[in-house]
Protein backbone atom coordinates (compact mmCIF):
# COMPACT_ATOMS: atom_id res chain seq x y z
CA MET A 1 139.50 15.40 166.29
CA SER A 2 142.14 15.64 163.63
CA GLY A 3 144.78 14.25 165.99
CA LEU A 4 142.87 11.05 166.72
CA ALA A 5 145.25 8.09 166.97
CA TYR A 6 144.86 5.57 164.16
CA ASN A 7 146.77 2.43 163.22
CA PRO A 8 145.62 0.37 160.21
CA GLU A 9 147.43 -2.72 161.55
CA ILE A 10 145.44 -2.67 164.80
CA GLU A 11 142.22 -2.02 162.89
CA TRP A 12 142.93 -5.00 160.62
CA PHE A 13 143.72 -7.23 163.59
CA VAL A 14 140.60 -6.28 165.56
CA ARG A 15 138.31 -6.62 162.55
CA CYS A 16 139.94 -9.45 160.55
CA GLY A 17 142.54 -11.18 162.74
CA ALA A 18 140.22 -13.95 163.90
CA TYR A 19 139.34 -14.80 160.30
CA ALA A 20 142.99 -14.90 159.28
CA GLN A 21 143.78 -17.29 162.13
CA GLY A 22 141.00 -19.69 161.16
CA GLU A 23 138.78 -18.92 164.14
CA ARG A 24 136.15 -17.69 161.70
CA GLY A 25 135.98 -17.98 157.95
CA THR A 26 137.84 -20.38 155.71
CA SER A 27 141.46 -20.25 156.87
CA GLY A 28 141.37 -23.37 159.03
CA THR A 29 143.23 -25.38 156.39
CA MET A 30 145.93 -22.73 156.23
CA ILE A 31 146.36 -22.89 160.00
CA ASP A 32 146.85 -26.63 159.79
CA LEU A 33 149.33 -26.16 156.95
CA LEU A 34 151.37 -23.76 159.08
CA ARG A 35 151.06 -25.87 162.21
CA TYR A 36 151.64 -29.35 160.80
CA GLY A 37 153.14 -28.85 157.34
CA ILE A 38 152.00 -30.51 154.13
CA PRO A 39 151.19 -34.18 154.70
CA SER A 40 153.63 -36.66 153.18
CA GLY A 41 152.58 -37.83 149.75
CA GLY A 42 151.39 -34.44 148.60
CA GLY A 43 148.45 -32.61 150.00
CA LEU A 44 147.36 -29.07 149.47
CA PRO A 45 148.33 -27.32 146.26
CA VAL A 46 150.22 -24.12 147.03
CA ASP A 47 149.25 -21.18 144.85
CA ASN A 48 149.05 -17.41 145.15
CA HIS A 49 145.78 -17.63 147.08
CA THR A 50 147.37 -19.99 149.61
CA ASP A 51 150.41 -17.72 149.94
CA ALA A 52 148.14 -14.74 150.63
CA GLN A 53 146.28 -16.70 153.30
CA LEU A 54 149.53 -17.77 154.93
CA ASP A 55 150.69 -14.13 154.95
CA GLY A 56 147.44 -13.21 156.70
CA VAL A 57 147.97 -15.93 159.29
CA ARG A 58 151.53 -14.75 159.97
CA ARG A 59 150.37 -11.14 160.21
CA ALA A 60 147.60 -12.11 162.64
CA ARG A 61 150.08 -14.05 164.78
CA ARG A 62 152.47 -11.07 164.95
CA CYS A 63 149.62 -8.76 165.89
CA GLY A 64 148.27 -11.33 168.35
CA SER A 65 151.58 -11.50 170.17
CA VAL A 66 151.54 -7.71 170.58
CA TYR A 67 147.87 -7.73 171.61
CA ALA A 68 148.55 -10.38 174.25
CA ALA A 69 151.49 -8.41 175.67
CA ILE A 70 149.74 -5.06 176.13
CA SER A 71 147.71 -4.26 179.22
CA LYS A 72 144.12 -5.39 179.62
CA ARG A 73 142.98 -1.76 179.58
CA ALA A 74 144.82 -1.06 176.31
CA ARG A 75 143.28 -4.20 174.75
CA GLY A 76 139.82 -3.05 175.79
CA VAL A 77 140.35 0.47 174.46
CA LEU A 78 141.74 -0.74 171.11
CA ALA A 79 138.99 -3.34 170.68
CA ALA A 80 136.40 -0.64 171.44
CA ARG A 81 138.11 1.87 169.13
CA TYR A 82 138.25 -0.41 166.08
CA GLY A 83 135.40 -2.82 166.71
CA SER A 84 132.01 -2.12 165.23
CA ARG A 85 128.60 -2.44 166.78
CA PRO A 86 125.15 -0.94 166.38
CA TRP A 87 124.52 2.10 168.57
CA LEU A 88 121.36 3.63 169.98
CA PRO A 89 120.29 6.85 168.26
CA GLY A 90 122.48 9.88 168.83
CA ILE A 91 125.58 8.13 170.16
CA LEU A 92 127.56 7.73 166.95
CA GLY A 93 126.60 11.20 165.75
CA ALA A 94 127.80 12.84 168.98
CA LEU A 95 130.85 10.72 169.77
CA GLY A 96 131.96 9.55 166.33
CA GLU A 97 134.79 7.02 166.10
CA LEU A 98 135.35 7.24 169.86
CA ALA A 99 131.86 6.02 170.81
CA GLY A 100 133.18 2.56 171.67
CA VAL A 101 136.06 3.96 173.71
CA VAL A 102 133.70 6.23 175.67
CA ALA A 103 131.47 3.22 176.39
CA GLU A 104 134.50 1.16 177.46
CA LEU A 105 135.74 3.88 179.84
CA GLU A 106 132.27 4.40 181.29
CA SER A 107 131.98 0.62 181.82
CA GLU A 108 135.31 0.65 183.67
CA ARG A 109 134.03 3.42 185.92
CA GLY A 110 130.65 1.86 186.59
CA GLY A 111 131.63 -1.75 187.01
CA ALA A 112 129.83 -4.85 185.78
CA SER A 113 126.53 -3.98 187.45
CA ARG A 114 126.18 -0.81 185.36
CA ARG A 115 127.35 -2.29 182.05
CA PRO A 116 123.82 -2.87 180.63
CA LEU A 117 122.85 0.74 181.44
CA ILE A 118 125.88 2.42 179.88
CA GLU A 119 124.50 2.65 176.35
CA ASP A 120 121.20 4.09 177.61
CA ASP A 121 123.13 6.74 179.58
CA LEU A 122 125.28 7.56 176.55
CA SER A 123 122.24 7.88 174.31
CA ARG A 124 120.40 10.14 176.76
CA VAL A 125 123.39 12.47 177.21
CA CYS A 126 124.24 12.51 173.49
CA GLN A 127 120.69 13.49 172.54
CA SER A 128 120.38 16.19 175.19
CA LEU A 129 120.86 19.83 174.23
CA SER A 130 121.63 21.00 177.77
CA ARG A 131 124.89 22.72 178.66
CA GLU A 132 125.61 20.01 181.27
CA ALA A 133 125.30 17.29 178.62
CA SER A 134 127.53 19.24 176.25
CA VAL A 135 130.22 19.57 178.93
CA ARG A 136 129.92 15.86 179.73
CA ARG A 137 130.27 14.87 176.05
CA ALA A 138 133.36 17.07 175.71
CA LYS A 139 134.89 15.47 178.82
CA TRP A 140 134.13 11.99 177.50
CA LEU A 141 135.76 12.78 174.16
CA ARG A 142 138.91 14.21 175.80
CA GLU A 143 139.26 11.16 178.04
CA ALA A 144 138.60 8.76 175.14
CA GLU A 145 141.13 10.53 172.93
CA GLN A 146 143.75 10.33 175.70
CA ALA A 147 143.00 6.65 176.38
CA SER A 148 143.17 5.87 172.66
CA ALA A 149 146.51 7.68 172.29
CA SER A 150 147.89 5.87 175.33
CA ALA A 151 146.75 2.45 174.07
CA HIS A 152 148.25 3.13 170.62
CA GLY A 153 151.50 4.20 172.24
CA GLU A 154 151.59 1.02 174.32
CA TRP A 155 150.95 -1.07 171.17
CA ASP A 156 153.80 0.67 169.34
CA ASP A 157 156.22 0.24 172.25
CA VAL A 158 155.44 -3.47 172.67
CA ARG A 159 155.57 -4.07 168.90
CA LYS A 160 159.06 -2.55 168.75
CA LEU A 161 160.24 -4.58 171.74
CA LEU A 162 158.94 -7.84 170.26
CA ALA A 163 160.44 -7.05 166.84
CA ALA A 164 163.82 -6.38 168.46
CA LYS A 165 163.56 -9.65 170.41
CA ARG A 166 162.70 -11.60 167.23
CA ALA A 167 165.66 -10.03 165.43
CA GLN A 168 167.96 -10.85 168.34
CA ASP A 169 166.68 -14.44 168.47
CA TRP A 170 167.22 -14.77 164.71
CA VAL A 171 170.81 -13.51 164.99
CA HIS A 172 171.58 -15.96 167.81
CA ALA A 173 169.86 -18.91 166.13
């Protein structure tokens, strides 16, 4: 899978974006600083650490605007691709970095009623040595790779459109 789509910006957003926006972690003060400004009469000291946190907040907001503008399917695929979770035995070894994407696609196919059973199915097929299981794993990986590439392409397209719109707004401001 040498051609597997990868984007460090998406990975950062999925894994760290909520922390940078103050939803988790210690950036809540930075969010308030961006939102409301420094209170009159002084307030928060601004230092390199604060600047770095503000940069993280801005980065998360840019990524969040792209994430919100892409399709629901692309959001699900990217969250599954870069998110982490514990897997039943055999799944990660057989499916690698695409395990989450395979699970997401199988959930889409099966609907909400099958969602709790998906991981058991994946584990059973991934641990099987049968030819049928091998063919199924290969099909899953092809579909997951295609879905991942498509979601990454959608992210890139939307990111470029939003950047062009921001630049145009800045010129006309």
